[in-house]
C-alpha cells in the first residue's frame, strides 16, 4: 500500500512539474513573439534561475549518494534515497539543465554573437558540467538497481566538481578576462 501511495505521489509531483514547465514555456514563447524587445532581460533572468536550480541539484545529488552508500540495500532508508534521487534528477536537475542550455545559447547568440574567448571557455566548462550531470544521472540508475560500487569518499570528491566548475564559470562571466 505504501508503495502504491509513493508511486501515486511521484506521478502527481511529476505532473505538477510538467505543467509548471509547460506554463513557463508558453509564457516565454508569448513574450518572445509578442514583446521581442523586452525578451532579452527575461531570457537572462530565466537563464540565471535555471543555473541556480541546476547547481542546487548538482550539489545536492552527490550528497544524497554519500548517505545512500551507508544505507543497507533494500532497506526503507535505501528505497527513500532512491525516490529522492530520482525526483531530484527528473524534477529539478534535468529541466534546469535544459533551461540553462536553451536560454544560455540564445543569450550567447543574441548578446555576444558567440564572440569572445571567455565565452568559448565558459561554454567548454558548461559542457564539462553537463558531462558531470550525465555521470550523476548514470549513478542514479545504478543506485536504483542497487549496483553502486563507489564508496562515500568518491561521492564526497565528486560533490566538489560542480562547485569548482561553477566558480570558474562565474569568474568568466563577471570578469571576462579574455
N, C-alpha and C. Protein backbone atom coordinates (compact mmCIF):
# COMPACT_ATOMS: atom_id res chain seq x y z
N UNK A 1 0.82 -1.20 0.00
CA UNK A 1 0.00 0.00 0.00
C UNK A 1 0.87 1.26 0.00
N UNK A 2 1.92 1.26 0.83
CA UNK A 2 2.81 2.43 0.89
C UNK A 2 3.49 2.65 -0.45
N UNK A 3 3.83 1.52 -1.13
CA UNK A 3 4.48 1.64 -2.43
C UNK A 3 3.52 2.27 -3.44
N UNK A 4 2.24 1.92 -3.36
CA UNK A 4 1.26 2.48 -4.28
C UNK A 4 1.10 3.98 -4.04
N UNK A 5 1.05 4.38 -2.76
CA UNK A 5 0.95 5.81 -2.44
C UNK A 5 2.17 6.57 -2.93
N UNK A 6 3.36 5.95 -2.82
CA UNK A 6 4.57 6.60 -3.28
C UNK A 6 4.54 6.78 -4.79
N UNK A 7 4.09 5.75 -5.50
CA UNK A 7 4.00 5.83 -6.96
C UNK A 7 3.01 6.90 -7.37
N UNK A 8 1.86 6.96 -6.70
CA UNK A 8 0.85 7.97 -6.98
C UNK A 8 1.39 9.36 -6.68
N UNK A 9 2.07 9.50 -5.56
CA UNK A 9 2.65 10.79 -5.17
C UNK A 9 3.71 11.23 -6.18
N UNK A 10 4.52 10.29 -6.62
CA UNK A 10 5.54 10.60 -7.62
C UNK A 10 4.89 11.05 -8.91
N UNK A 11 3.85 10.35 -9.33
CA UNK A 11 3.13 10.73 -10.55
C UNK A 11 2.53 12.10 -10.45
N UNK A 12 1.95 12.42 -9.30
CA UNK A 12 1.36 13.75 -9.10
C UNK A 12 2.44 14.83 -9.11
N UNK A 13 3.56 14.57 -8.47
CA UNK A 13 4.65 15.54 -8.44
C UNK A 13 5.20 15.77 -9.84
N UNK A 14 5.35 14.69 -10.60
CA UNK A 14 5.84 14.82 -11.97
C UNK A 14 4.84 15.60 -12.83
N UNK A 15 3.56 15.35 -12.64
CA UNK A 15 2.54 16.06 -13.40
C UNK A 15 2.58 17.55 -13.08
N UNK A 16 2.72 17.91 -11.80
CA UNK A 16 2.83 19.32 -11.42
C UNK A 16 4.06 19.96 -12.05
N UNK A 17 5.17 19.23 -12.07
CA UNK A 17 6.40 19.73 -12.66
C UNK A 17 6.21 19.94 -14.16
N UNK A 18 5.60 18.98 -14.85
CA UNK A 18 5.38 19.09 -16.29
C UNK A 18 4.48 20.28 -16.60
N UNK A 19 3.43 20.46 -15.81
CA UNK A 19 2.52 21.59 -16.01
C UNK A 19 3.27 22.91 -15.78
N UNK A 20 4.06 22.98 -14.73
CA UNK A 20 4.82 24.20 -14.43
C UNK A 20 5.79 24.55 -15.55
N UNK A 21 6.52 23.56 -16.02
CA UNK A 21 7.47 23.79 -17.11
C UNK A 21 6.71 24.18 -18.37
N UNK A 22 5.59 23.54 -18.62
CA UNK A 22 4.77 23.87 -19.79
C UNK A 22 4.28 25.31 -19.75
N UNK A 23 3.81 25.74 -18.59
CA UNK A 23 3.35 27.13 -18.44
C UNK A 23 4.51 28.09 -18.68
N UNK A 24 5.68 27.77 -18.13
CA UNK A 24 6.87 28.62 -18.34
C UNK A 24 7.22 28.71 -19.83
N UNK A 25 7.16 27.58 -20.52
CA UNK A 25 7.47 27.57 -21.95
C UNK A 25 6.48 28.42 -22.73
N UNK A 26 5.19 28.27 -22.42
CA UNK A 26 4.16 29.04 -23.13
C UNK A 26 4.34 30.53 -22.88
N UNK A 27 4.53 30.91 -21.61
CA UNK A 27 4.71 32.33 -21.29
C UNK A 27 5.97 32.90 -21.95
N UNK A 28 7.03 32.11 -21.95
CA UNK A 28 8.27 32.55 -22.59
C UNK A 28 8.07 32.73 -24.09
N UNK A 29 7.39 31.77 -24.72
CA UNK A 29 7.13 31.87 -26.17
C UNK A 29 6.28 33.09 -26.48
N UNK A 30 5.25 33.35 -25.66
CA UNK A 30 4.41 34.53 -25.87
C UNK A 30 5.23 35.81 -25.77
N UNK A 31 6.08 35.88 -24.77
CA UNK A 31 6.94 37.05 -24.61
C UNK A 31 7.88 37.20 -25.80
N UNK A 32 8.47 36.10 -26.24
CA UNK A 32 9.40 36.12 -27.37
C UNK A 32 8.73 36.64 -28.64
N UNK A 33 7.50 36.18 -28.90
CA UNK A 33 6.82 36.56 -30.14
C UNK A 33 6.11 37.91 -30.07
N UNK A 34 5.57 38.26 -28.90
CA UNK A 34 4.77 39.47 -28.82
C UNK A 34 5.49 40.67 -28.21
N UNK A 35 6.61 40.45 -27.56
CA UNK A 35 7.39 41.56 -27.00
C UNK A 35 8.88 41.26 -27.15
N UNK A 36 9.34 41.09 -28.39
CA UNK A 36 10.73 40.67 -28.59
C UNK A 36 11.76 41.66 -28.04
N UNK A 37 11.41 42.94 -27.97
CA UNK A 37 12.37 43.93 -27.46
C UNK A 37 12.62 43.76 -25.96
N UNK A 38 11.66 43.23 -25.24
CA UNK A 38 11.84 43.06 -23.79
C UNK A 38 12.17 41.61 -23.43
N UNK A 39 12.43 40.79 -24.44
CA UNK A 39 12.71 39.37 -24.17
C UNK A 39 14.10 39.14 -23.59
N UNK A 40 15.09 39.91 -24.03
CA UNK A 40 16.48 39.67 -23.58
C UNK A 40 16.62 39.66 -22.05
N UNK A 41 16.15 40.69 -21.34
CA UNK A 41 16.32 40.64 -19.88
C UNK A 41 15.55 39.49 -19.22
N UNK A 42 14.40 39.14 -19.81
CA UNK A 42 13.64 38.00 -19.28
C UNK A 42 14.40 36.70 -19.54
N UNK A 43 14.99 36.58 -20.70
CA UNK A 43 15.78 35.38 -21.01
C UNK A 43 16.97 35.27 -20.05
N UNK A 44 17.58 36.40 -19.76
CA UNK A 44 18.71 36.41 -18.83
C UNK A 44 18.25 35.98 -17.44
N UNK A 45 17.10 36.50 -16.99
CA UNK A 45 16.57 36.14 -15.67
C UNK A 45 16.24 34.65 -15.61
N UNK A 46 15.60 34.14 -16.66
CA UNK A 46 15.25 32.72 -16.67
C UNK A 46 16.51 31.87 -16.70
N UNK A 47 17.51 32.30 -17.46
CA UNK A 47 18.78 31.58 -17.52
C UNK A 47 19.42 31.51 -16.13
N UNK A 48 19.45 32.62 -15.43
CA UNK A 48 20.05 32.65 -14.09
C UNK A 48 19.28 31.74 -13.14
N UNK A 49 17.95 31.79 -13.20
CA UNK A 49 17.13 30.91 -12.34
C UNK A 49 17.39 29.43 -12.67
N UNK A 50 17.51 29.12 -13.95
CA UNK A 50 17.78 27.74 -14.35
C UNK A 50 19.16 27.30 -13.85
N UNK A 51 20.15 28.18 -13.96
CA UNK A 51 21.50 27.86 -13.48
C UNK A 51 21.48 27.60 -11.98
N UNK A 52 20.80 28.46 -11.24
CA UNK A 52 20.73 28.28 -9.78
C UNK A 52 20.07 26.94 -9.44
N UNK A 53 18.99 26.62 -10.12
CA UNK A 53 18.29 25.35 -9.87
C UNK A 53 19.18 24.17 -10.23
N UNK A 54 19.85 24.27 -11.38
CA UNK A 54 20.73 23.19 -11.82
C UNK A 54 21.84 22.97 -10.81
N UNK A 55 22.47 24.06 -10.39
CA UNK A 55 23.58 23.93 -9.45
C UNK A 55 23.11 23.40 -8.10
N UNK A 56 21.96 23.84 -7.64
CA UNK A 56 21.44 23.33 -6.36
C UNK A 56 21.30 21.81 -6.44
N UNK A 57 20.74 21.33 -7.52
CA UNK A 57 20.59 19.89 -7.68
C UNK A 57 21.91 19.16 -7.84
N UNK A 58 22.81 19.77 -8.60
CA UNK A 58 24.12 19.13 -8.83
C UNK A 58 24.95 19.08 -7.55
N UNK A 59 24.71 20.00 -6.64
CA UNK A 59 25.42 19.98 -5.36
C UNK A 59 24.76 19.04 -4.35
N UNK A 60 23.45 18.86 -4.47
CA UNK A 60 22.72 18.04 -3.50
C UNK A 60 22.76 16.56 -3.85
N UNK A 61 22.70 16.22 -5.14
CA UNK A 61 22.62 14.81 -5.54
C UNK A 61 23.82 13.97 -5.06
N UNK A 62 25.06 14.41 -5.25
CA UNK A 62 26.17 13.61 -4.73
C UNK A 62 26.15 13.48 -3.20
N UNK A 63 25.61 14.50 -2.53
CA UNK A 63 25.50 14.43 -1.07
C UNK A 63 24.50 13.33 -0.69
N UNK A 64 23.41 13.21 -1.46
CA UNK A 64 22.47 12.11 -1.22
C UNK A 64 23.18 10.76 -1.40
N UNK A 65 24.05 10.68 -2.42
CA UNK A 65 24.78 9.44 -2.65
C UNK A 65 25.67 9.09 -1.47
N UNK A 66 26.30 10.10 -0.87
CA UNK A 66 27.16 9.86 0.30
C UNK A 66 26.38 9.15 1.38
N UNK A 67 25.16 9.59 1.63
CA UNK A 67 24.32 8.97 2.67
C UNK A 67 23.73 7.65 2.18
N UNK A 68 23.42 7.57 0.91
CA UNK A 68 22.82 6.36 0.36
C UNK A 68 23.79 5.17 0.45
N UNK A 69 25.07 5.44 0.25
CA UNK A 69 26.08 4.38 0.31
C UNK A 69 26.00 3.64 1.65
N UNK A 70 25.72 4.38 2.72
CA UNK A 70 25.69 3.78 4.06
C UNK A 70 24.38 3.07 4.38
N UNK A 71 23.36 3.23 3.54
CA UNK A 71 22.08 2.58 3.78
C UNK A 71 22.14 1.13 3.28
N UNK A 72 21.58 0.24 4.05
CA UNK A 72 21.56 -1.17 3.66
C UNK A 72 20.67 -1.36 2.43
N UNK A 73 21.17 -2.12 1.46
CA UNK A 73 20.40 -2.36 0.23
C UNK A 73 19.05 -2.98 0.56
N UNK A 74 18.00 -2.44 -0.03
CA UNK A 74 16.65 -2.96 0.19
C UNK A 74 15.96 -2.40 1.42
N UNK A 75 16.69 -1.64 2.23
CA UNK A 75 16.09 -1.08 3.44
C UNK A 75 15.15 0.07 3.08
N UNK A 76 14.30 0.43 4.02
CA UNK A 76 13.39 1.56 3.81
C UNK A 76 14.20 2.82 3.52
N UNK A 77 15.29 2.98 4.24
CA UNK A 77 16.14 4.16 4.03
C UNK A 77 16.70 4.19 2.60
N UNK A 78 17.18 3.06 2.13
CA UNK A 78 17.72 2.98 0.78
C UNK A 78 16.65 3.28 -0.27
N UNK A 79 15.47 2.75 -0.08
CA UNK A 79 14.37 2.99 -1.02
C UNK A 79 13.95 4.46 -1.01
N UNK A 80 14.00 5.08 0.16
CA UNK A 80 13.68 6.51 0.27
C UNK A 80 14.71 7.34 -0.50
N UNK A 81 15.98 6.99 -0.36
CA UNK A 81 17.02 7.69 -1.12
C UNK A 81 16.81 7.54 -2.62
N UNK A 82 16.41 6.36 -3.06
CA UNK A 82 16.15 6.14 -4.49
C UNK A 82 15.07 7.08 -5.01
N UNK A 83 14.00 7.23 -4.23
CA UNK A 83 12.91 8.13 -4.63
C UNK A 83 13.41 9.57 -4.66
N UNK A 84 14.14 9.98 -3.63
CA UNK A 84 14.67 11.34 -3.56
C UNK A 84 15.59 11.63 -4.74
N UNK A 85 16.48 10.70 -5.04
CA UNK A 85 17.44 10.89 -6.13
C UNK A 85 16.72 10.99 -7.48
N UNK A 86 15.77 10.08 -7.71
CA UNK A 86 15.04 10.09 -8.98
C UNK A 86 14.24 11.38 -9.14
N UNK A 87 13.55 11.80 -8.11
CA UNK A 87 12.76 13.03 -8.18
C UNK A 87 13.64 14.26 -8.39
N UNK A 88 14.76 14.30 -7.69
CA UNK A 88 15.67 15.44 -7.84
C UNK A 88 16.20 15.51 -9.27
N UNK A 89 16.61 14.37 -9.81
CA UNK A 89 17.14 14.35 -11.17
C UNK A 89 16.08 14.72 -12.19
N UNK A 90 14.95 14.04 -12.15
CA UNK A 90 13.92 14.24 -13.17
C UNK A 90 13.13 15.54 -12.99
N UNK A 91 12.89 15.91 -11.76
CA UNK A 91 12.03 17.06 -11.50
C UNK A 91 12.73 18.40 -11.43
N UNK A 92 14.03 18.39 -11.13
CA UNK A 92 14.74 19.65 -10.97
C UNK A 92 15.97 19.72 -11.88
N UNK A 93 16.88 18.77 -11.73
CA UNK A 93 18.17 18.88 -12.41
C UNK A 93 18.02 18.83 -13.93
N UNK A 94 17.30 17.84 -14.45
CA UNK A 94 17.16 17.74 -15.91
C UNK A 94 16.48 18.96 -16.53
N UNK A 95 15.30 19.37 -16.03
CA UNK A 95 14.68 20.56 -16.63
C UNK A 95 15.54 21.82 -16.47
N UNK A 96 16.22 21.95 -15.35
CA UNK A 96 17.07 23.13 -15.13
C UNK A 96 18.25 23.14 -16.10
N UNK A 97 18.84 21.98 -16.36
CA UNK A 97 19.94 21.93 -17.31
C UNK A 97 19.45 22.30 -18.71
N UNK A 98 18.29 21.80 -19.09
CA UNK A 98 17.75 22.12 -20.41
C UNK A 98 17.50 23.62 -20.52
N UNK A 99 16.88 24.21 -19.49
CA UNK A 99 16.64 25.65 -19.48
C UNK A 99 17.92 26.45 -19.53
N UNK A 100 18.92 25.99 -18.81
CA UNK A 100 20.22 26.66 -18.81
C UNK A 100 20.81 26.68 -20.22
N UNK A 101 20.80 25.54 -20.89
CA UNK A 101 21.36 25.45 -22.24
C UNK A 101 20.55 26.26 -23.24
N UNK A 102 19.24 26.11 -23.22
CA UNK A 102 18.40 26.80 -24.20
C UNK A 102 18.57 28.31 -24.09
N UNK A 103 18.40 28.83 -22.89
CA UNK A 103 18.50 30.28 -22.72
C UNK A 103 19.94 30.77 -22.80
N UNK A 104 20.88 29.96 -22.32
CA UNK A 104 22.29 30.35 -22.40
C UNK A 104 22.78 30.46 -23.83
N UNK A 105 22.42 29.48 -24.66
CA UNK A 105 22.84 29.55 -26.07
C UNK A 105 22.17 30.73 -26.78
N UNK A 106 20.90 30.96 -26.48
CA UNK A 106 20.21 32.10 -27.10
C UNK A 106 20.88 33.41 -26.68
N UNK A 107 21.21 33.54 -25.40
CA UNK A 107 21.88 34.75 -24.92
C UNK A 107 23.26 34.91 -25.55
N UNK A 108 23.99 33.80 -25.68
CA UNK A 108 25.32 33.86 -26.30
C UNK A 108 25.22 34.32 -27.75
N UNK A 109 24.21 33.87 -28.44
CA UNK A 109 24.00 34.27 -29.83
C UNK A 109 23.52 35.71 -29.93
N UNK A 110 22.47 36.04 -29.18
CA UNK A 110 21.85 37.37 -29.28
C UNK A 110 22.74 38.46 -28.66
N UNK A 111 23.32 38.17 -27.53
CA UNK A 111 24.08 39.20 -26.82
C UNK A 111 25.52 39.33 -27.25
N UNK A 112 26.13 38.23 -27.69
CA UNK A 112 27.57 38.26 -27.97
C UNK A 112 27.94 37.72 -29.34
N UNK A 113 26.96 37.21 -30.08
CA UNK A 113 27.27 36.62 -31.39
C UNK A 113 28.28 35.49 -31.29
N UNK A 114 28.28 34.82 -30.16
CA UNK A 114 29.22 33.72 -29.88
C UNK A 114 30.68 34.18 -29.99
N UNK A 115 30.93 35.46 -29.72
CA UNK A 115 32.28 36.02 -29.79
C UNK A 115 32.87 36.15 -28.39
N UNK A 116 34.16 35.98 -28.28
CA UNK A 116 34.87 36.19 -27.02
C UNK A 116 35.46 34.91 -26.49
N UNK A 117 36.75 34.97 -26.21
CA UNK A 117 37.43 33.81 -25.65
C UNK A 117 36.84 33.35 -24.34
N UNK A 118 36.43 34.32 -23.51
CA UNK A 118 35.82 33.97 -22.24
C UNK A 118 34.54 33.16 -22.46
N UNK A 119 33.76 33.51 -23.50
CA UNK A 119 32.51 32.81 -23.78
C UNK A 119 32.77 31.39 -24.25
N UNK A 120 33.77 31.21 -25.09
CA UNK A 120 34.11 29.87 -25.57
C UNK A 120 34.58 28.99 -24.40
N UNK A 121 35.37 29.58 -23.51
CA UNK A 121 35.84 28.85 -22.34
C UNK A 121 34.67 28.51 -21.43
N UNK A 122 33.76 29.47 -21.25
CA UNK A 122 32.59 29.23 -20.41
C UNK A 122 31.77 28.08 -20.98
N UNK A 123 31.52 28.09 -22.28
CA UNK A 123 30.74 27.02 -22.90
C UNK A 123 31.44 25.67 -22.73
N UNK A 124 32.76 25.65 -22.85
CA UNK A 124 33.51 24.41 -22.63
C UNK A 124 33.33 23.91 -21.20
N UNK A 125 33.35 24.83 -20.23
CA UNK A 125 33.16 24.43 -18.83
C UNK A 125 31.72 23.96 -18.58
N UNK A 126 30.76 24.58 -19.24
CA UNK A 126 29.37 24.13 -19.11
C UNK A 126 29.21 22.75 -19.75
N UNK A 127 29.95 22.48 -20.82
CA UNK A 127 29.95 21.12 -21.39
C UNK A 127 30.50 20.12 -20.37
N UNK A 128 31.56 20.50 -19.67
CA UNK A 128 32.11 19.63 -18.61
C UNK A 128 31.07 19.41 -17.50
N UNK A 129 30.38 20.49 -17.11
CA UNK A 129 29.35 20.36 -16.09
C UNK A 129 28.23 19.43 -16.58
N UNK A 130 27.92 19.51 -17.86
CA UNK A 130 26.91 18.61 -18.43
C UNK A 130 27.38 17.17 -18.40
N UNK A 131 28.68 16.96 -18.60
CA UNK A 131 29.23 15.60 -18.51
C UNK A 131 29.11 15.07 -17.08
N UNK A 132 29.38 15.93 -16.10
CA UNK A 132 29.20 15.54 -14.69
C UNK A 132 27.73 15.20 -14.45
N UNK A 133 26.84 16.00 -15.01
CA UNK A 133 25.40 15.74 -14.92
C UNK A 133 25.10 14.33 -15.45
N UNK A 134 25.65 14.00 -16.61
CA UNK A 134 25.44 12.67 -17.18
C UNK A 134 25.98 11.57 -16.28
N UNK A 135 27.15 11.80 -15.69
CA UNK A 135 27.73 10.83 -14.77
C UNK A 135 26.81 10.62 -13.56
N UNK A 136 26.28 11.72 -13.02
CA UNK A 136 25.38 11.61 -11.87
C UNK A 136 24.07 10.92 -12.25
N UNK A 137 23.57 11.19 -13.46
CA UNK A 137 22.34 10.52 -13.91
C UNK A 137 22.57 9.01 -14.01
N UNK A 138 23.74 8.62 -14.50
CA UNK A 138 24.07 7.20 -14.54
C UNK A 138 24.16 6.60 -13.15
N UNK A 139 24.69 7.38 -12.21
CA UNK A 139 24.78 6.90 -10.83
C UNK A 139 23.40 6.72 -10.21
N UNK A 140 22.45 7.60 -10.55
CA UNK A 140 21.07 7.44 -10.06
C UNK A 140 20.53 6.09 -10.52
N UNK A 141 20.77 5.76 -11.79
CA UNK A 141 20.29 4.47 -12.31
C UNK A 141 20.98 3.30 -11.60
N UNK A 142 22.28 3.43 -11.33
CA UNK A 142 23.00 2.36 -10.62
C UNK A 142 22.47 2.19 -9.20
N UNK A 143 22.28 3.30 -8.50
CA UNK A 143 21.73 3.21 -7.15
C UNK A 143 20.34 2.59 -7.18
N UNK A 144 19.54 2.93 -8.18
CA UNK A 144 18.18 2.39 -8.29
C UNK A 144 18.21 0.86 -8.45
N UNK A 145 19.25 0.35 -9.10
CA UNK A 145 19.40 -1.11 -9.28
C UNK A 145 20.22 -1.74 -8.15
N UNK A 146 20.61 -0.94 -7.16
CA UNK A 146 21.50 -1.39 -6.08
C UNK A 146 22.83 -1.88 -6.62
N UNK A 147 23.34 -1.22 -7.67
CA UNK A 147 24.60 -1.59 -8.31
C UNK A 147 25.75 -0.64 -8.00
N UNK A 148 25.56 0.33 -7.13
CA UNK A 148 26.65 1.27 -6.85
C UNK A 148 27.80 0.53 -6.17
N UNK A 149 29.00 0.78 -6.66
CA UNK A 149 30.18 0.17 -6.04
C UNK A 149 31.16 1.23 -5.54
N UNK A 150 30.78 2.50 -5.67
CA UNK A 150 31.66 3.60 -5.25
C UNK A 150 31.47 3.87 -3.76
N UNK A 151 32.57 4.15 -3.06
CA UNK A 151 32.46 4.47 -1.63
C UNK A 151 32.00 5.91 -1.41
N UNK A 152 31.62 6.21 -0.19
CA UNK A 152 31.17 7.56 0.17
C UNK A 152 32.25 8.59 -0.15
N UNK A 153 33.51 8.24 0.03
CA UNK A 153 34.60 9.18 -0.24
C UNK A 153 34.59 9.61 -1.71
N UNK A 154 34.32 8.69 -2.60
CA UNK A 154 34.23 9.02 -4.02
C UNK A 154 33.17 10.09 -4.25
N UNK A 155 32.00 9.91 -3.64
CA UNK A 155 30.90 10.85 -3.85
C UNK A 155 31.19 12.19 -3.18
N UNK A 156 31.96 12.19 -2.09
CA UNK A 156 32.36 13.46 -1.48
C UNK A 156 33.27 14.25 -2.43
N UNK A 157 34.15 13.55 -3.10
CA UNK A 157 35.05 14.21 -4.06
C UNK A 157 34.26 14.69 -5.27
N UNK A 158 33.38 13.84 -5.80
CA UNK A 158 32.55 14.22 -6.95
C UNK A 158 31.70 15.44 -6.60
N UNK A 159 31.29 15.54 -5.36
CA UNK A 159 30.46 16.67 -4.91
C UNK A 159 31.18 18.01 -5.09
N UNK A 160 32.50 18.00 -5.11
CA UNK A 160 33.27 19.24 -5.25
C UNK A 160 33.42 19.69 -6.70
N UNK A 161 33.27 18.79 -7.66
CA UNK A 161 33.50 19.12 -9.07
C UNK A 161 32.53 20.21 -9.56
N UNK A 162 31.21 20.08 -9.32
CA UNK A 162 30.32 21.17 -9.77
C UNK A 162 30.66 22.52 -9.12
N UNK A 163 31.10 22.49 -7.88
CA UNK A 163 31.47 23.73 -7.19
C UNK A 163 32.64 24.41 -7.90
N UNK A 164 33.66 23.64 -8.22
CA UNK A 164 34.84 24.21 -8.89
C UNK A 164 34.48 24.74 -10.28
N UNK A 165 33.66 23.99 -11.01
CA UNK A 165 33.23 24.46 -12.33
C UNK A 165 32.40 25.73 -12.22
N UNK A 166 31.52 25.77 -11.23
CA UNK A 166 30.67 26.95 -11.03
C UNK A 166 31.53 28.19 -10.73
N UNK A 167 32.53 28.04 -9.88
CA UNK A 167 33.40 29.17 -9.55
C UNK A 167 34.08 29.69 -10.81
N UNK A 168 34.64 28.80 -11.61
CA UNK A 168 35.32 29.22 -12.83
C UNK A 168 34.35 29.88 -13.81
N UNK A 169 33.16 29.33 -13.95
CA UNK A 169 32.17 29.89 -14.88
C UNK A 169 31.74 31.29 -14.44
N UNK A 170 31.48 31.46 -13.16
CA UNK A 170 31.04 32.78 -12.67
C UNK A 170 32.14 33.81 -12.86
N UNK A 171 33.39 33.44 -12.59
CA UNK A 171 34.50 34.36 -12.80
C UNK A 171 34.59 34.75 -14.27
N UNK A 172 34.45 33.79 -15.17
CA UNK A 172 34.50 34.10 -16.60
C UNK A 172 33.39 35.06 -17.00
N UNK A 173 32.18 34.84 -16.49
CA UNK A 173 31.05 35.68 -16.87
C UNK A 173 31.19 37.11 -16.33
N UNK A 174 31.63 37.22 -15.10
CA UNK A 174 31.70 38.54 -14.46
C UNK A 174 32.95 39.30 -14.88
N UNK A 175 34.11 38.66 -14.86
CA UNK A 175 35.38 39.34 -15.12
C UNK A 175 35.69 39.42 -16.62
N UNK A 176 35.26 38.42 -17.38
CA UNK A 176 35.55 38.34 -18.84
C UNK A 176 37.05 38.61 -19.06
N UNK A 177 37.92 37.74 -18.54
CA UNK A 177 39.36 38.01 -18.55
C UNK A 177 40.00 38.01 -19.94
N UNK A 178 39.36 37.42 -20.93
CA UNK A 178 39.94 37.39 -22.28
C UNK A 178 38.85 37.28 -23.32
